[in-house]
PDB file of N, CA and C in Angstrom:
ATOM      1  N   UNK A   1      -4.481   7.787   6.992  1.00  0.00           N
ATOM      2  CA  UNK A   1      -4.607   6.817   7.873  1.00  0.00           C
ATOM      3  C   UNK A   1      -5.365   5.374   7.342  1.00  0.00           C
ATOM      4  N   UNK A   2      -5.389   5.187   6.089  1.00  0.00           N
ATOM      5  CA  UNK A   2      -6.077   3.727   5.887  1.00  0.00           C
ATOM      6  C   UNK A   2      -5.025   2.815   5.755  1.00  0.00           C
ATOM      7  N   UNK A   3      -5.450   1.479   5.535  1.00  0.00           N
ATOM      8  CA  UNK A   3      -4.748   0.238   5.850  1.00  0.00           C
ATOM      9  C   UNK A   3      -5.503  -0.913   4.751  1.00  0.00           C
ATOM     10  N   UNK A   4      -4.881  -0.499   3.516  1.00  0.00           N
ATOM     11  CA  UNK A   4      -5.341  -1.432   2.511  1.00  0.00           C
ATOM     12  C   UNK A   4      -4.328  -2.880   2.443  1.00  0.00           C
ATOM     13  N   UNK A   5      -5.010  -4.002   2.107  1.00  0.00           N
ATOM     14  CA  UNK A   5      -4.144  -5.104   2.271  1.00  0.00           C
ATOM     15  C   UNK A   5      -4.507  -5.974   1.196  1.00  0.00           C
ATOM     16  N   UNK A   6      -3.611  -6.855   0.938  1.00  0.00           N
ATOM     17  CA  UNK A   6      -4.058  -7.752  -0.139  1.00  0.00           C
ATOM     18  C   UNK A   6      -3.881  -8.992   0.434  1.00  0.00           C
ATOM     19  N   UNK A   7      -4.897 -10.041  -0.007  1.00  0.00           N
ATOM     20  CA  UNK A   7      -4.945 -11.339   0.900  1.00  0.00           C
ATOM     21  C   UNK A   7      -5.167 -12.261  -0.341  1.00  0.00           C
ATOM     22  N   UNK A   8      -4.725 -13.386  -0.020  1.00  0.00           N
ATOM     23  CA  UNK A   8      -5.239 -14.778  -0.711  1.00  0.00           C
ATOM     24  C   UNK A   8      -5.651 -15.537  -0.018  1.00  0.00           C
ATOM     25  N   UNK A   9      -6.610 -16.569  -0.874  1.00  0.00           N
ATOM     26  CA  UNK A   9      -7.657 -17.674  -0.471  1.00  0.00           C
ATOM     27  C   UNK A   9      -6.369 -18.414   0.159  1.00  0.00           C
ATOM     28  N   UNK A  10      -6.876 -18.817   1.331  1.00  0.00           N
ATOM     29  CA  UNK A  10      -6.155 -20.250   2.209  1.00  0.00           C
ATOM     30  C   UNK A  10      -6.808 -21.293   2.331  1.00  0.00           C
ATOM     31  N   UNK A  11      -6.808 -22.193   3.180  1.00  0.00           N
ATOM     32  CA  UNK A  11      -7.456 -23.576   3.315  1.00  0.00           C
ATOM     33  C   UNK A  11      -9.124 -23.417   3.826  1.00  0.00           C
ATOM     34  N   UNK A  12      -9.760 -24.099   3.545  1.00  0.00           N
ATOM     35  CA  UNK A  12     -11.095 -24.170   4.069  1.00  0.00           C
ATOM     36  C   UNK A  12     -10.980 -24.744   5.159  1.00  0.00           C
ATOM     37  N   UNK A  13     -11.901 -24.255   6.295  1.00  0.00           N
ATOM     38  CA  UNK A  13     -11.849 -24.688   7.680  1.00  0.00           C
ATOM     39  C   UNK A  13     -13.425 -25.031   7.992  1.00  0.00           C
ATOM     40  N   UNK A  14     -13.742 -26.370   7.523  1.00  0.00           N
ATOM     41  CA  UNK A  14     -15.008 -27.032   7.220  1.00  0.00           C
ATOM     42  C   UNK A  14     -15.743 -26.241   5.912  1.00  0.00           C
ATOM     43  N   UNK A  15     -16.487 -25.381   5.941  1.00  0.00           N
ATOM     44  CA  UNK A  15     -16.927 -24.822   4.871  1.00  0.00           C
ATOM     45  C   UNK A  15     -16.756 -23.212   4.758  1.00  0.00           C
ATOM     46  N   UNK A  16     -15.587 -22.913   5.826  1.00  0.00           N
ATOM     47  CA  UNK A  16     -15.248 -21.430   5.586  1.00  0.00           C
ATOM     48  C   UNK A  16     -13.927 -20.994   4.989  1.00  0.00           C
ATOM     49  N   UNK A  17     -13.965 -20.527   4.313  1.00  0.00           N
ATOM     50  CA  UNK A  17     -12.518 -20.071   3.670  1.00  0.00           C
ATOM     51  C   UNK A  17     -11.713 -19.145   4.460  1.00  0.00           C
ATOM     52  N   UNK A  18     -10.468 -19.539   4.652  1.00  0.00           N
ATOM     53  CA  UNK A  18      -9.738 -18.632   5.645  1.00  0.00           C
ATOM     54  C   UNK A  18      -8.723 -17.814   4.676  1.00  0.00           C
ATOM     55  N   UNK A  19      -8.083 -16.565   4.929  1.00  0.00           N
ATOM     56  CA  UNK A  19      -7.696 -15.876   3.957  1.00  0.00           C
ATOM     57  C   UNK A  19      -6.361 -15.614   4.852  1.00  0.00           C
ATOM     58  N   UNK A  20      -5.284 -15.458   3.790  1.00  0.00           N
ATOM     59  CA  UNK A  20      -3.887 -15.020   4.386  1.00  0.00           C
ATOM     60  C   UNK A  20      -3.603 -13.891   3.802  1.00  0.00           C
ATOM     61  N   UNK A  21      -3.247 -12.749   4.816  1.00  0.00           N
ATOM     62  CA  UNK A  21      -2.517 -11.472   4.232  1.00  0.00           C
ATOM     63  C   UNK A  21      -1.369 -11.739   3.611  1.00  0.00           C
ATOM     64  N   UNK A  22      -1.079 -11.230   2.488  1.00  0.00           N
ATOM     65  CA  UNK A  22      -0.126 -11.343   1.739  1.00  0.00           C
ATOM     66  C   UNK A  22       0.832 -10.079   1.847  1.00  0.00           C
ATOM     67  N   UNK A  23       0.305  -8.950   1.867  1.00  0.00           N
ATOM     68  CA  UNK A  23       0.938  -7.459   2.258  1.00  0.00           C
ATOM     69  C   UNK A  23      -0.291  -6.712   2.736  1.00  0.00           C
ATOM     70  N   UNK A  24       0.100  -5.446   3.547  1.00  0.00           N
ATOM     71  CA  UNK A  24      -0.816  -4.480   4.227  1.00  0.00           C
ATOM     72  C   UNK A  24       0.307  -3.056   4.254  1.00  0.00           C
ATOM     73  N   UNK A  25      -0.502  -1.939   4.083  1.00  0.00           N
ATOM     74  CA  UNK A  25       0.119  -1.034   4.191  1.00  0.00           C
ATOM     75  C   UNK A  25      -0.539   0.229   5.070  1.00  0.00           C
ATOM     76  N   UNK A  26       0.102   0.728   6.034  1.00  0.00           N
ATOM     77  CA  UNK A  26      -0.633   1.413   7.161  1.00  0.00           C
ATOM     78  C   UNK A  26       0.128   2.824   6.909  1.00  0.00           C
ATOM     79  N   UNK A  27      -0.266   3.669   5.660  1.00  0.00           N
ATOM     80  CA  UNK A  27       0.189   4.836   5.597  1.00  0.00           C
ATOM     81  C   UNK A  27      -0.413   6.003   6.127  1.00  0.00           C
ATOM     82  N   UNK A  28       0.182   7.138   5.997  1.00  0.00           N
ATOM     83  CA  UNK A  28      -0.372   8.289   6.589  1.00  0.00           C
ATOM     84  C   UNK A  28       0.019   9.298   5.902  1.00  0.00           C
ATOM     85  N   UNK A  29      -0.435  10.604   6.219  1.00  0.00           N
ATOM     86  CA  UNK A  29      -0.195  11.835   5.210  1.00  0.00           C
ATOM     87  C   UNK A  29       0.587  13.038   5.888  1.00  0.00           C
ATOM     88  N   UNK A  30       1.189  12.461   6.935  1.00  0.00           N
ATOM     89  CA  UNK A  30       2.234  13.127   7.775  1.00  0.00           C
ATOM     90  C   UNK A  30       3.552  12.299   7.889  1.00  0.00           C
ATOM     91  N   UNK A  31       4.503  13.148   7.976  1.00  0.00           N
ATOM     92  CA  UNK A  31       6.074  12.656   8.143  1.00  0.00           C
ATOM     93  C   UNK A  31       6.046  11.355   9.194  1.00  0.00           C
ATOM     94  N   UNK A  32       6.805  10.012   8.781  1.00  0.00           N
ATOM     95  CA  UNK A  32       7.776  10.277   7.890  1.00  0.00           C
ATOM     96  C   UNK A  32       7.303   9.880   6.312  1.00  0.00           C
ATOM     97  N   UNK A  33       5.948   9.473   6.106  1.00  0.00           N
ATOM     98  CA  UNK A  33       5.316   9.313   4.779  1.00  0.00           C
ATOM     99  C   UNK A  33       5.631  10.610   4.319  1.00  0.00           C
ATOM    100  N   UNK A  34       5.658  10.566   2.659  1.00  0.00           N
ATOM    101  CA  UNK A  34       5.602  11.832   1.815  1.00  0.00           C
ATOM    102  C   UNK A  34       4.837  12.463   1.875  1.00  0.00           C
ATOM    103  N   UNK A  35       4.664  13.651   2.489  1.00  0.00           N
ATOM    104  CA  UNK A  35       3.278  14.713   2.661  1.00  0.00           C
ATOM    105  C   UNK A  35       2.948  15.399   1.229  1.00  0.00           C
ATOM    106  N   UNK A  36       3.580  15.539   0.282  1.00  0.00           N
ATOM    107  CA  UNK A  36       3.309  16.358  -1.132  1.00  0.00           C
ATOM    108  C   UNK A  36       2.130  15.703  -1.686  1.00  0.00           C
ATOM    109  N   UNK A  37       1.779  14.394  -1.720  1.00  0.00           N
ATOM    110  CA  UNK A  37       0.684  14.051  -2.234  1.00  0.00           C
ATOM    111  C   UNK A  37      -0.538  14.446  -1.398  1.00  0.00           C
ATOM    112  N   UNK A  38      -0.483  14.979  -0.334  1.00  0.00           N
ATOM    113  CA  UNK A  38      -1.746  15.118   0.640  1.00  0.00           C
ATOM    114  C   UNK A  38      -2.440  16.181   0.191  1.00  0.00           C
ATOM    115  N   UNK A  39      -4.022  16.027  -0.495  1.00  0.00           N
ATOM    116  CA  UNK A  39      -4.600  17.070  -1.044  1.00  0.00           C
ATOM    117  C   UNK A  39      -4.295  17.451  -2.265  1.00  0.00           C
ATOM    118  N   UNK A  40      -3.225  16.872  -3.090  1.00  0.00           N
ATOM    119  CA  UNK A  40      -2.513  17.512  -4.290  1.00  0.00           C
ATOM    120  C   UNK A  40      -3.053  16.573  -5.300  1.00  0.00           C
ATOM    121  N   UNK A  41      -3.065  17.169  -6.516  1.00  0.00           N
ATOM    122  CA  UNK A  41      -3.255  16.613  -7.705  1.00  0.00           C
ATOM    123  C   UNK A  41      -2.134  16.166  -8.667  1.00  0.00           C
ATOM    124  N   UNK A  42      -0.992  16.817  -8.137  1.00  0.00           N
ATOM    125  CA  UNK A  42       0.231  16.792  -8.878  1.00  0.00           C
ATOM    126  C   UNK A  42       0.812  15.672  -8.274  1.00  0.00           C
ATOM    127  N   UNK A  43       0.643  15.227  -7.016  1.00  0.00           N
ATOM    128  CA  UNK A  43       1.892  14.036  -6.664  1.00  0.00           C
ATOM    129  C   UNK A  43       0.918  13.096  -6.133  1.00  0.00           C
ATOM    130  N   UNK A  44       1.398  11.620  -6.235  1.00  0.00           N
ATOM    131  CA  UNK A  44       0.875  10.669  -5.733  1.00  0.00           C
ATOM    132  C   UNK A  44       1.750   9.783  -4.928  1.00  0.00           C
ATOM    133  N   UNK A  45       1.323   8.642  -4.094  1.00  0.00           N
ATOM    134  CA  UNK A  45       2.563   7.834  -3.706  1.00  0.00           C
ATOM    135  C   UNK A  45       2.801   6.779  -4.310  1.00  0.00           C
ATOM    136  N   UNK A  46       4.185   6.470  -4.543  1.00  0.00           N
ATOM    137  CA  UNK A  46       4.493   5.786  -5.773  1.00  0.00           C
ATOM    138  C   UNK A  46       5.451   4.640  -4.743  1.00  0.00           C
ATOM    139  N   UNK A  47       5.174   3.277  -5.209  1.00  0.00           N
ATOM    140  CA  UNK A  47       5.885   2.278  -4.259  1.00  0.00           C
ATOM    141  C   UNK A  47       7.347   2.032  -5.237  1.00  0.00           C
ATOM    142  N   UNK A  48       8.216   2.074  -4.521  1.00  0.00           N
ATOM    143  CA  UNK A  48       9.352   2.051  -5.441  1.00  0.00           C
ATOM    144  C   UNK A  48       9.861   0.625  -5.814  1.00  0.00           C
ATOM    145  N   UNK A  49       9.596  -0.646  -5.170  1.00  0.00           N
ATOM    146  CA  UNK A  49       9.903  -1.957  -5.234  1.00  0.00           C
ATOM    147  C   UNK A  49       8.995  -2.655  -5.002  1.00  0.00           C
ATOM    148  N   UNK A  50       8.128  -3.120  -5.841  1.00  0.00           N
ATOM    149  CA  UNK A  50       6.764  -3.873  -5.805  1.00  0.00           C
ATOM    150  C   UNK A  50       6.919  -5.036  -4.782  1.00  0.00           C
ATOM    151  N   UNK A  51       8.170  -5.537  -4.948  1.00  0.00           N
ATOM    152  CA  UNK A  51       8.331  -6.816  -4.419  1.00  0.00           C
ATOM    153  C   UNK A  51       8.795  -6.816  -2.630  1.00  0.00           C
ATOM    154  N   UNK A  52       9.341  -5.523  -2.048  1.00  0.00           N
ATOM    155  CA  UNK A  52       9.476  -5.096  -0.980  1.00  0.00           C
ATOM    156  C   UNK A  52       8.563  -4.962  -0.144  1.00  0.00           C
ATOM    157  N   UNK A  53       8.445  -5.103   1.050  1.00  0.00           N
ATOM    158  CA  UNK A  53       7.048  -4.765   2.203  1.00  0.00           C
ATOM    159  C   UNK A  53       6.493  -3.685   1.909  1.00  0.00           C
ATOM    160  N   UNK A  54       5.361  -3.692   2.055  1.00  0.00           N
ATOM    161  CA  UNK A  54       4.650  -2.353   1.780  1.00  0.00           C
ATOM    162  C   UNK A  54       4.480  -1.537   2.678  1.00  0.00           C
ATOM    163  N   UNK A  55       4.510  -1.656   4.001  1.00  0.00           N
ATOM    164  CA  UNK A  55       4.393  -0.931   5.165  1.00  0.00           C
ATOM    165  C   UNK A  55       5.713  -0.550   5.432  1.00  0.00           C
ATOM    166  N   UNK A  56       7.009  -0.491   4.643  1.00  0.00           N
ATOM    167  CA  UNK A  56       8.181   0.350   4.807  1.00  0.00           C
ATOM    168  C   UNK A  56       7.897   1.760   4.072  1.00  0.00           C
ATOM    169  N   UNK A  57       8.180   2.802   4.828  1.00  0.00           N
ATOM    170  CA  UNK A  57       7.993   4.103   4.588  1.00  0.00           C
ATOM    171  C   UNK A  57       9.271   4.270   3.426  1.00  0.00           C
ATOM    172  N   UNK A  58      10.207   3.886   3.563  1.00  0.00           N
ATOM    173  CA  UNK A  58      11.545   4.099   2.646  1.00  0.00           C
ATOM    174  C   UNK A  58      11.034   3.423   1.388  1.00  0.00           C
ATOM    175  N   UNK A  59      10.271   2.606   1.193  1.00  0.00           N
ATOM    176  CA  UNK A  59       9.801   1.990  -0.408  1.00  0.00           C
ATOM    177  C   UNK A  59       8.764   2.937  -1.042  1.00  0.00           C
ATOM    178  N   UNK A  60       8.510   3.984  -0.530  1.00  0.00           N
ATOM    179  CA  UNK A  60       7.545   5.020  -1.252  1.00  0.00           C
ATOM    180  C   UNK A  60       8.075   6.222  -1.369  1.00  0.00           C
ATOM    181  N   UNK A  61       7.591   7.066  -2.185  1.00  0.00           N
ATOM    182  CA  UNK A  61       7.951   8.519  -2.563  1.00  0.00           C
ATOM    183  C   UNK A  61       6.537   9.005  -3.235  1.00  0.00           C
ATOM    184  N   UNK A  62       6.936  10.488  -3.214  1.00  0.00           N
ATOM    185  CA  UNK A  62       5.882  11.284  -3.949  1.00  0.00           C
ATOM    186  C   UNK A  62       6.455  11.540  -5.137  1.00  0.00           C
ATOM    187  N   UNK A  63       5.472  11.239  -6.195  1.00  0.00           N
ATOM    188  CA  UNK A  63       5.867  11.225  -7.802  1.00  0.00           C
ATOM    189  C   UNK A  63       4.373  12.015  -8.479  1.00  0.00           C
ATOM    190  N   UNK A  64       4.912  12.475  -9.922  1.00  0.00           N
ATOM    191  CA  UNK A  64       3.659  12.800 -10.485  1.00  0.00           C
ATOM    192  C   UNK A  64       3.057  11.612 -10.782  1.00  0.00           C
ATOM    193  N   UNK A  65       1.803  11.767 -11.026  1.00  0.00           N
ATOM    194  CA  UNK A  65       0.858  10.560 -11.657  1.00  0.00           C
ATOM    195  C   UNK A  65       1.468  10.339 -12.933  1.00  0.00           C
ATOM    196  N   UNK A  66       0.907   8.832 -12.956  1.00  0.00           N
ATOM    197  CA  UNK A  66       1.400   8.052 -14.620  1.00  0.00           C
ATOM    198  C   UNK A  66       0.417   7.148 -14.604  1.00  0.00           C
ATOM    199  N   UNK A  67      -0.639   7.394 -15.192  1.00  0.00           N
ATOM    200  CA  UNK A  67      -1.534   6.616 -15.616  1.00  0.00           C
ATOM    201  C   UNK A  67      -1.198   5.361 -16.210  1.00  0.00           C
ATOM    202  N   UNK A  68      -1.551   4.114 -16.109  1.00  0.00           N
ATOM    203  CA  UNK A  68      -1.118   3.084 -16.632  1.00  0.00           C
ATOM    204  C   UNK A  68       0.258   2.271 -16.008  1.00  0.00           C
ATOM    205  N   UNK A  69       1.030   2.886 -15.137  1.00  0.00           N
ATOM    206  CA  UNK A  69       1.761   2.282 -14.390  1.00  0.00           C
ATOM    207  C   UNK A  69       1.799   1.739 -13.316  1.00  0.00           C
TER     208      UNK A  69
END
């Protein structure tokens, strides 16, 4: 149920910085999301194509962890 997002700085509105959402993922540990990573050290969620929209469940798979990738 987390909703991590990536933002980049936008224009200044007087002295207040505006932020632009670049991507956000609203994932879950229930179907249609891959359920193998739920409570497991054997699997993680891995994004298939980094440039595709992060909130598309079809762009994620359960995979073994691979530190550094």
